[in-house]
Amino acid sequence: MKNKIRNWAKAHRKLSVAIPTMLMAIALIVTMSPVFADWSAAYLDVTGTYLVSSSAGPREMDGDRHPRVGFNRLIITTQVDKEISLATLEHLGTDIDLDGIVGPGTRPTIHLYGTDSDGALIHVQGRVRSDRAGDVVSISGRISGLITSDGSRWDNSADGTSTISVADYHSEPISCLLTGGTDANPKTLLFHNPYSRLRLKNLSSLRADQLGFWFNLENAKTPGPEMMLRFAPVTRGEPTNTSYWGGGADGLVDITVMPYQAPYTGTGAWVECDLAEDDATIIYYGNDPTDFTAFGGVPVADIADVEAAINAEAAMTADGDDASNWVLTMVSIELWEAGARNCYVDDVTISGQLYTLEPNSYLSSFRATKQ
């Protein structure tokens, strides 16, 4: 009995030491971890402009390969706590409006979703990285997309249109229908930042099937479609100008090739436009990259002469600028001039890559650096 009492006393002394020690440890954990208690209410400010330095390799719905698609900028405009109510992803086609949520903490997950008027679907899923000061520096993760038809359709016309069509096509069931109206403003199929290594100097020795498209202009109607090529200096860490009108504080040049002006008339049949082979009137407008002085407006007879004509412009020579190594940043197939007419466009070739305008999808990793 004495032994039982002695053993109980020893155990009680040990317990009386252990309990305070455990309580002190719990108190230390609580006092040393205030960040976790605040996470439910603390959200990083992720608003800003991010340059996306990635591209995706889509597949068409039948499994065929599709030309690679580059991205331009991810712009997050409006955020309240976890909710992001306005963001934009710029890419080959229409800029996609997004919304979504961002998680709490110092390295949260972000999800953004969006669609456009053509039915394209985009999902951006990533992790946000910040520096020691708590400022966001980048987002990385995956972008998935389902694109209804390549490019974007845009018009600046009172009664002209640019729409996806299944009424007629060249090779597969989707094309773009450009409809002329009563005014001379453009109706266009636009490709922003196509995946291309084509430089302005390459126009002097353009190979067959590098640049072109198929079209079907309504019988006996005129004029036909044009192809506009935008070239701009190589810019690292800076987005390119994707405004159709260009201009502003940007060095660039828009070269419009016009093989189907009057007296050309449509036949109601599909015709191939190959810029390396078709004779055309060519006109260009641009700004030099030093002080953005406008130049251009004088027609050029041959696409092989465009490079020399641009480099000889007074605005370019005044500051020793040279456009030969400017890169292709936008392509537009378009109707100008007034006149009611229908023109289908299909199978656009850019830098030797064929865009069939058919639906495609992709899943790609990305990294976006805050500017």
Protein backbone atom coordinates (compact mmCIF):
# COMPACT_ATOMS: atom_id res chain seq x y z
CA MET A 1 0.00 0.00 0.00
CA LYS A 2 2.89 2.37 0.85
CA ASN A 3 4.47 1.60 -2.52
CA LYS A 4 1.22 2.51 -4.35
CA ILE A 5 1.02 5.84 -2.51
CA ARG A 6 4.70 6.58 -3.26
CA ASN A 7 4.24 5.80 -6.99
CA TRP A 8 1.10 7.95 -7.18
CA ALA A 9 2.96 10.87 -5.60
CA LYS A 10 5.79 10.58 -8.14
CA ALA A 11 3.31 10.52 -11.05
CA HIS A 12 1.45 13.51 -9.62
CA ARG A 13 4.72 15.52 -9.38
CA LYS A 14 5.53 14.71 -13.05
CA LEU A 15 2.03 15.69 -14.17
CA SER A 16 2.18 18.93 -12.21
CA VAL A 17 5.33 19.82 -14.19
CA ALA A 18 4.05 18.59 -17.60
CA ILE A 19 0.72 20.48 -17.59
CA PRO A 20 2.23 23.99 -17.17
CA THR A 21 4.85 23.12 -19.81
CA MET A 22 2.13 22.11 -22.30
CA LEU A 23 0.13 25.27 -21.54
CA MET A 24 3.20 27.42 -22.14
CA ALA A 25 3.83 25.68 -25.52
CA ILE A 26 0.25 26.27 -26.63
CA ALA A 27 0.52 29.93 -25.62
CA LEU A 28 3.73 30.28 -27.66
CA ILE A 29 2.07 28.76 -30.76
CA VAL A 30 -0.87 31.15 -30.47
CA THR A 31 1.29 34.26 -29.92
CA MET A 32 3.79 33.34 -32.66
CA SER A 33 1.13 32.65 -35.39
CA PRO A 34 -1.00 35.79 -35.79
CA VAL A 35 -0.72 35.66 -39.63
CA PHE A 36 -2.86 32.57 -39.85
CA ALA A 37 -5.59 34.22 -37.81
CA ASP A 38 -5.69 37.16 -40.27
CA TRP A 39 -5.68 35.13 -43.51
CA SER A 40 -9.46 34.92 -43.65
CA ALA A 41 -9.62 38.68 -44.22
CA ALA A 42 -6.28 39.56 -45.93
CA TYR A 43 -6.16 39.54 -49.76
CA LEU A 44 -3.28 40.69 -51.90
CA ASP A 45 -3.99 43.50 -54.33
CA VAL A 46 -3.54 41.72 -57.69
CA THR A 47 -4.80 44.58 -59.89
CA GLY A 48 -2.43 45.72 -62.61
CA THR A 49 -1.06 44.84 -66.04
CA TYR A 50 0.83 41.58 -66.57
CA LEU A 51 2.86 40.67 -69.66
CA VAL A 52 2.20 37.01 -70.53
CA SER A 53 5.37 35.43 -71.92
CA SER A 54 3.87 32.14 -73.07
CA SER A 55 2.13 30.51 -76.01
CA ALA A 56 -0.22 27.56 -76.51
CA GLY A 57 -0.41 24.77 -79.07
CA PRO A 58 -4.14 24.28 -79.78
CA ARG A 59 -5.84 21.35 -81.45
CA GLU A 60 -8.89 21.54 -83.67
CA MET A 61 -11.93 19.50 -82.72
CA ASP A 62 -10.98 16.69 -85.12
CA GLY A 63 -7.53 16.46 -83.52
CA ASP A 64 -5.63 18.31 -86.25
CA ARG A 65 -2.81 20.58 -85.19
CA HIS A 66 -3.49 24.30 -85.06
CA PRO A 67 -0.86 27.06 -85.32
CA ARG A 68 0.54 28.15 -81.99
CA VAL A 69 -1.27 30.99 -80.26
CA GLY A 70 0.54 33.71 -78.35
CA PHE A 71 -0.80 35.85 -75.53
CA ASN A 72 -0.17 39.54 -74.97
CA ARG A 73 -1.36 41.00 -71.67
CA LEU A 74 -3.48 40.02 -68.67
CA ILE A 75 -5.02 43.17 -67.22
CA ILE A 76 -6.77 42.96 -63.81
CA THR A 77 -8.72 46.16 -63.28
CA THR A 78 -11.22 45.78 -60.43
CA GLN A 79 -10.84 43.79 -57.19
CA VAL A 80 -12.71 43.96 -53.89
CA ASP A 81 -11.30 41.53 -51.30
CA LYS A 82 -11.40 38.11 -52.95
CA GLU A 83 -13.68 39.12 -55.83
CA ILE A 84 -12.25 40.17 -59.20
CA SER A 85 -15.05 41.71 -61.24
CA LEU A 86 -13.13 43.04 -64.24
CA ALA A 87 -10.08 41.61 -66.02
CA THR A 88 -9.01 41.15 -69.65
CA LEU A 89 -6.83 38.63 -71.49
CA GLU A 90 -5.42 39.80 -74.83
CA HIS A 91 -4.57 37.12 -77.36
CA LEU A 92 -4.88 36.15 -81.05
CA GLY A 93 -8.58 36.96 -81.24
CA THR A 94 -10.98 39.16 -79.32
CA ASP A 95 -9.81 40.40 -75.94
CA ILE A 96 -11.66 38.23 -73.41
CA ASP A 97 -13.33 39.86 -70.39
CA LEU A 98 -12.77 37.80 -67.23
CA ASP A 99 -13.91 37.73 -63.63
CA GLY A 100 -13.17 35.40 -60.72
CA ILE A 101 -11.62 35.16 -57.27
CA VAL A 102 -8.26 35.24 -55.55
CA GLY A 103 -7.51 33.40 -52.31
CA PRO A 104 -6.11 34.81 -49.05
CA GLY A 105 -2.52 34.70 -47.89
CA THR A 106 0.87 35.60 -49.34
CA ARG A 107 0.87 33.10 -52.22
CA PRO A 108 -2.77 32.57 -53.08
CA THR A 109 -4.47 30.75 -55.92
CA ILE A 110 -6.30 32.82 -58.53
CA HIS A 111 -9.11 31.68 -60.86
CA LEU A 112 -10.44 33.80 -63.73
CA TYR A 113 -13.17 32.83 -66.19
CA GLY A 114 -14.62 34.54 -69.22
CA THR A 115 -16.27 34.38 -72.63
CA ASP A 116 -16.71 36.67 -75.64
CA SER A 117 -19.54 37.38 -78.07
CA ASP A 118 -18.36 34.54 -80.34
CA GLY A 119 -18.61 31.98 -77.55
CA ALA A 120 -14.90 31.58 -76.79
CA LEU A 121 -14.27 30.27 -73.25
CA ILE A 122 -11.14 31.03 -71.19
CA HIS A 123 -10.04 29.77 -67.75
CA VAL A 124 -6.93 31.15 -66.06
CA GLN A 125 -5.76 29.21 -63.01
CA GLY A 126 -2.57 30.20 -61.25
CA ARG A 127 -0.61 31.10 -58.14
CA VAL A 128 0.25 34.65 -57.22
CA ARG A 129 3.82 35.44 -56.17
CA SER A 130 4.77 38.52 -54.18
CA ASP A 131 8.04 39.96 -52.90
CA ARG A 132 9.10 40.47 -49.27
CA ALA A 133 7.37 43.83 -49.19
CA GLY A 134 4.09 42.15 -50.09
CA ASP A 135 3.92 43.56 -53.63
CA VAL A 136 2.68 41.19 -56.34
CA VAL A 137 5.34 40.42 -58.97
CA SER A 138 3.89 37.61 -61.10
CA ILE A 139 1.19 35.02 -61.69
CA SER A 140 1.96 31.55 -63.06
CA GLY A 141 -0.17 28.51 -63.77
CA ARG A 142 -2.32 27.27 -66.65
CA ILE A 143 -4.59 28.82 -69.25
CA SER A 144 -7.22 26.70 -70.98
CA GLY A 145 -9.34 27.90 -73.84
CA LEU A 146 -12.07 26.85 -76.27
CA ILE A 147 -12.09 29.13 -79.33
CA THR A 148 -15.15 29.18 -81.59
CA SER A 149 -13.29 30.63 -84.58
CA ASP A 150 -9.83 32.11 -85.13
CA GLY A 151 -9.26 35.84 -84.89
CA SER A 152 -11.77 38.52 -83.98
CA ARG A 153 -14.53 40.12 -86.01
CA TRP A 154 -14.79 43.90 -85.87
CA ASP A 155 -16.39 46.67 -87.87
CA ASN A 156 -16.46 50.43 -87.70
CA SER A 157 -19.34 50.77 -90.15
CA ALA A 158 -22.87 52.12 -89.83
CA ASP A 159 -24.36 49.11 -91.58
CA GLY A 160 -21.45 46.81 -92.45
CA THR A 161 -20.74 43.67 -90.42
CA SER A 162 -18.13 41.00 -89.69
CA THR A 163 -19.52 37.71 -88.38
CA ILE A 164 -18.88 33.97 -88.13
CA SER A 165 -20.73 32.16 -90.90
CA VAL A 166 -21.65 28.62 -91.93
CA ALA A 167 -23.50 29.73 -95.07
CA ASP A 168 -20.43 29.20 -97.29
CA TYR A 169 -16.84 28.11 -96.76
CA HIS A 170 -13.71 27.05 -98.61
CA SER A 171 -12.45 23.90 -96.87
CA GLU A 172 -14.35 23.33 -93.61
CA PRO A 173 -17.78 24.48 -92.38
CA ILE A 174 -16.86 27.82 -90.77
CA SER A 175 -15.82 31.07 -92.47
CA CYS A 176 -15.99 34.80 -91.77
CA LEU A 177 -18.61 36.88 -93.59
CA LEU A 178 -17.72 40.52 -94.29
CA THR A 179 -20.72 42.59 -95.38
CA GLY A 180 -20.24 45.95 -97.06
CA GLY A 181 -22.58 48.85 -96.34
CA THR A 182 -23.27 52.43 -97.29
CA ASP A 183 -20.12 53.94 -95.74
CA ALA A 184 -16.45 53.37 -96.46
CA ASN A 185 -15.37 52.33 -92.95
CA PRO A 186 -13.66 48.97 -92.37
CA LYS A 187 -15.20 45.56 -91.78
CA THR A 188 -12.45 43.21 -90.63
CA LEU A 189 -11.21 39.79 -89.54
CA LEU A 190 -8.31 40.55 -87.16
CA PHE A 191 -5.41 38.44 -85.89
CA HIS A 192 -3.54 40.04 -82.97
CA ASN A 193 0.07 39.00 -82.35
CA PRO A 194 0.09 35.93 -84.60
CA TYR A 195 2.82 33.42 -83.80
CA SER A 196 5.28 34.58 -86.45
CA ARG A 197 8.95 35.26 -87.17
CA LEU A 198 8.18 37.28 -90.27
CA ARG A 199 10.03 40.59 -90.45
CA LEU A 200 9.38 43.54 -92.71
CA LYS A 201 12.55 42.83 -94.71
CA ASN A 202 11.12 39.42 -95.65
CA LEU A 203 8.52 41.14 -97.87
CA SER A 204 11.32 41.83 -100.36
CA SER A 205 11.66 38.09 -101.04
CA LEU A 206 8.28 36.76 -99.95
CA ARG A 207 7.85 33.06 -100.64
CA ALA A 208 4.65 31.53 -102.00
CA ASP A 209 2.12 30.54 -99.33
CA GLN A 210 3.65 32.73 -96.61
CA LEU A 211 0.83 35.29 -96.58
CA GLY A 212 -2.62 34.95 -98.12
CA PHE A 213 -6.25 33.91 -97.78
CA TRP A 214 -9.22 32.54 -99.70
CA PHE A 215 -12.30 34.66 -100.39
CA ASN A 216 -15.64 34.49 -102.18
CA LEU A 217 -16.88 37.92 -103.30
CA GLU A 218 -20.51 38.26 -104.35
CA ASN A 219 -21.00 38.01 -108.13
CA ALA A 220 -20.53 41.28 -110.07
CA LYS A 221 -19.75 43.24 -106.89
CA THR A 222 -16.68 45.41 -106.28
CA PRO A 223 -14.23 46.15 -104.71
CA GLY A 224 -12.82 43.00 -103.13
CA PRO A 225 -10.98 42.33 -99.84
CA GLU A 226 -7.62 43.72 -98.74
CA MET A 227 -4.90 42.37 -96.44
CA MET A 228 -3.32 44.70 -93.89
CA LEU A 229 0.00 43.79 -92.22
CA ARG A 230 1.24 45.63 -89.12
CA PHE A 231 4.95 45.62 -88.36
CA ALA A 232 6.51 47.10 -85.22
CA PRO A 233 9.92 47.10 -83.48
CA VAL A 234 10.80 44.13 -81.31
CA THR A 235 9.86 45.08 -77.76
CA ARG A 236 10.93 42.97 -74.81
CA GLY A 237 8.79 43.37 -71.74
CA GLU A 238 6.37 45.69 -73.50
CA PRO A 239 2.97 44.87 -75.05
CA THR A 240 2.31 45.58 -78.73
CA ASN A 241 -0.33 48.02 -79.98
CA THR A 242 -3.44 46.01 -80.89
CA SER A 243 -5.69 48.97 -81.64
CA TYR A 244 -6.89 48.74 -85.23
CA TRP A 245 -6.15 52.42 -85.80
CA GLY A 246 -2.62 52.19 -84.40
CA GLY A 247 -0.93 55.57 -84.00
CA GLY A 248 -0.25 57.26 -80.69
CA ALA A 249 3.10 56.86 -78.96
CA ASP A 250 4.11 53.73 -80.86
CA GLY A 251 6.54 53.07 -83.68
CA LEU A 252 4.72 50.90 -86.24
CA VAL A 253 3.63 50.70 -89.85
CA ASP A 254 0.40 49.32 -91.38
CA ILE A 255 0.92 48.00 -94.92
CA THR A 256 -2.30 47.40 -96.86
CA VAL A 257 -2.15 45.18 -99.94
CA MET A 258 -5.09 45.71 -102.35
CA PRO A 259 -5.13 43.22 -105.28
CA TYR A 260 -8.90 43.38 -105.86
CA GLN A 261 -9.78 47.01 -106.38
CA ALA A 262 -12.09 48.06 -109.23
CA PRO A 263 -12.37 47.13 -112.05
CA TYR A 264 -12.07 43.70 -110.38
CA THR A 265 -15.50 42.18 -109.73
CA GLY A 266 -16.59 39.15 -107.76
CA THR A 267 -17.54 35.86 -109.39
CA GLY A 268 -19.44 34.20 -106.55
CA ALA A 269 -16.69 31.51 -106.47
CA TRP A 270 -13.75 30.92 -104.14
CA VAL A 271 -10.51 32.67 -105.14
CA GLU A 272 -7.04 32.40 -103.57
CA CYS A 273 -5.10 35.55 -102.69
CA ASP A 274 -1.35 34.89 -102.47
CA LEU A 275 0.61 38.03 -101.67
CA ALA A 276 3.79 36.61 -103.17
CA GLU A 277 2.15 36.20 -106.58
CA ASP A 278 -0.75 38.67 -106.90
CA ASP A 279 -0.04 42.09 -108.42
CA ALA A 280 -1.47 44.75 -106.15
CA THR A 281 -1.64 48.39 -105.22
CA ILE A 282 0.03 48.84 -101.84
CA ILE A 283 -0.21 51.73 -99.42
CA TYR A 284 1.23 52.21 -95.93
CA TYR A 285 0.88 54.52 -92.94
CA GLY A 286 3.03 54.56 -89.82
CA ASN A 287 4.96 56.39 -87.10
CA ASP A 288 8.71 56.45 -86.62
CA PRO A 289 9.85 54.84 -83.32
CA THR A 290 11.83 57.83 -82.03
CA ASP A 291 9.35 60.70 -81.81
CA PHE A 292 6.32 59.02 -83.44
CA THR A 293 6.12 61.35 -86.44
CA ALA A 294 3.52 60.10 -88.94
CA PHE A 295 4.54 59.07 -92.44
CA GLY A 296 3.17 57.29 -95.53
CA GLY A 297 0.22 57.66 -97.88
CA VAL A 298 2.01 57.28 -101.22
CA PRO A 299 1.12 54.05 -103.12
CA VAL A 300 3.84 51.49 -103.87
CA ALA A 301 3.63 49.33 -107.00
CA ASP A 302 5.25 46.13 -105.70
CA ILE A 303 5.38 44.50 -102.28
CA ALA A 304 9.13 43.91 -102.77
CA ASP A 305 9.65 47.71 -102.78
CA VAL A 306 7.85 48.44 -99.49
CA GLU A 307 10.86 48.00 -97.18
CA ALA A 308 13.00 50.50 -99.09
CA ALA A 309 10.14 53.01 -99.36
CA ILE A 310 9.50 52.99 -95.59
CA ASN A 311 13.17 53.31 -94.69
CA ALA A 312 13.47 56.27 -97.07
CA GLU A 313 10.68 58.23 -95.35
CA ALA A 314 11.91 61.58 -93.95
CA ALA A 315 10.45 60.74 -90.52
CA MET A 316 12.60 57.59 -90.46
CA THR A 317 15.84 59.05 -91.81
CA ALA A 318 15.69 62.12 -89.54
CA ASP A 319 16.63 60.01 -86.52
CA GLY A 320 18.43 57.18 -88.28
CA ASP A 321 15.56 54.72 -87.80
CA ASP A 322 15.31 51.50 -89.80
CA ALA A 323 12.22 49.29 -90.11
CA SER A 324 13.80 46.26 -91.78
CA ASN A 325 13.79 44.12 -88.63
CA TRP A 326 10.34 45.15 -87.40
CA VAL A 327 8.18 42.09 -86.70
CA LEU A 328 4.64 41.19 -87.75
CA THR A 329 2.25 42.01 -84.89
CA MET A 330 -1.21 42.14 -86.52
CA VAL A 331 -2.98 40.92 -89.67
CA SER A 332 -6.36 42.13 -90.93
CA ILE A 333 -8.49 40.83 -93.80
CA GLU A 334 -10.91 43.65 -94.56
CA LEU A 335 -13.46 45.38 -96.73
CA TRP A 336 -13.20 49.14 -97.17
CA GLU A 337 -15.07 51.44 -99.54
CA ALA A 338 -18.81 51.83 -99.68
CA GLY A 339 -21.04 49.37 -101.49
CA ALA A 340 -23.47 46.65 -100.46
CA ARG A 341 -21.77 43.29 -100.99
CA ASN A 342 -21.02 40.00 -99.25
CA CYS A 343 -17.52 38.59 -99.05
CA TYR A 344 -16.67 35.29 -97.34
CA VAL A 345 -13.12 34.82 -96.02
CA ASP A 346 -11.55 31.48 -95.09
CA ASP A 347 -8.22 29.64 -94.70
CA VAL A 348 -5.92 32.53 -93.79
CA THR A 349 -2.17 31.90 -94.07
CA ILE A 350 0.19 33.86 -91.82
CA SER A 351 3.93 33.09 -91.90
CA GLY A 352 3.17 29.81 -93.64
CA GLN A 353 0.71 28.72 -90.91
CA LEU A 354 -2.87 27.94 -91.95
CA TYR A 355 -5.78 29.25 -89.86
CA THR A 356 -8.88 27.36 -91.00
CA LEU A 357 -11.19 29.40 -88.70
CA GLU A 358 -12.47 26.13 -87.20
CA PRO A 359 -13.04 25.67 -83.43
CA ASN A 360 -9.95 24.74 -81.42
CA SER A 361 -8.94 24.27 -77.81
CA TYR A 362 -5.76 24.39 -75.74
CA LEU A 363 -4.30 23.87 -72.27
CA SER A 364 -1.01 25.63 -71.64
CA SER A 365 1.24 26.68 -68.80
CA PHE A 366 1.94 30.39 -68.50
CA ARG A 367 3.88 33.00 -66.59
CA ALA A 368 2.69 36.60 -66.39
CA THR A 369 5.03 39.29 -65.02
CA LYS A 370 3.58 42.47 -63.53
CA GLN A 371 4.59 45.60 -65.41
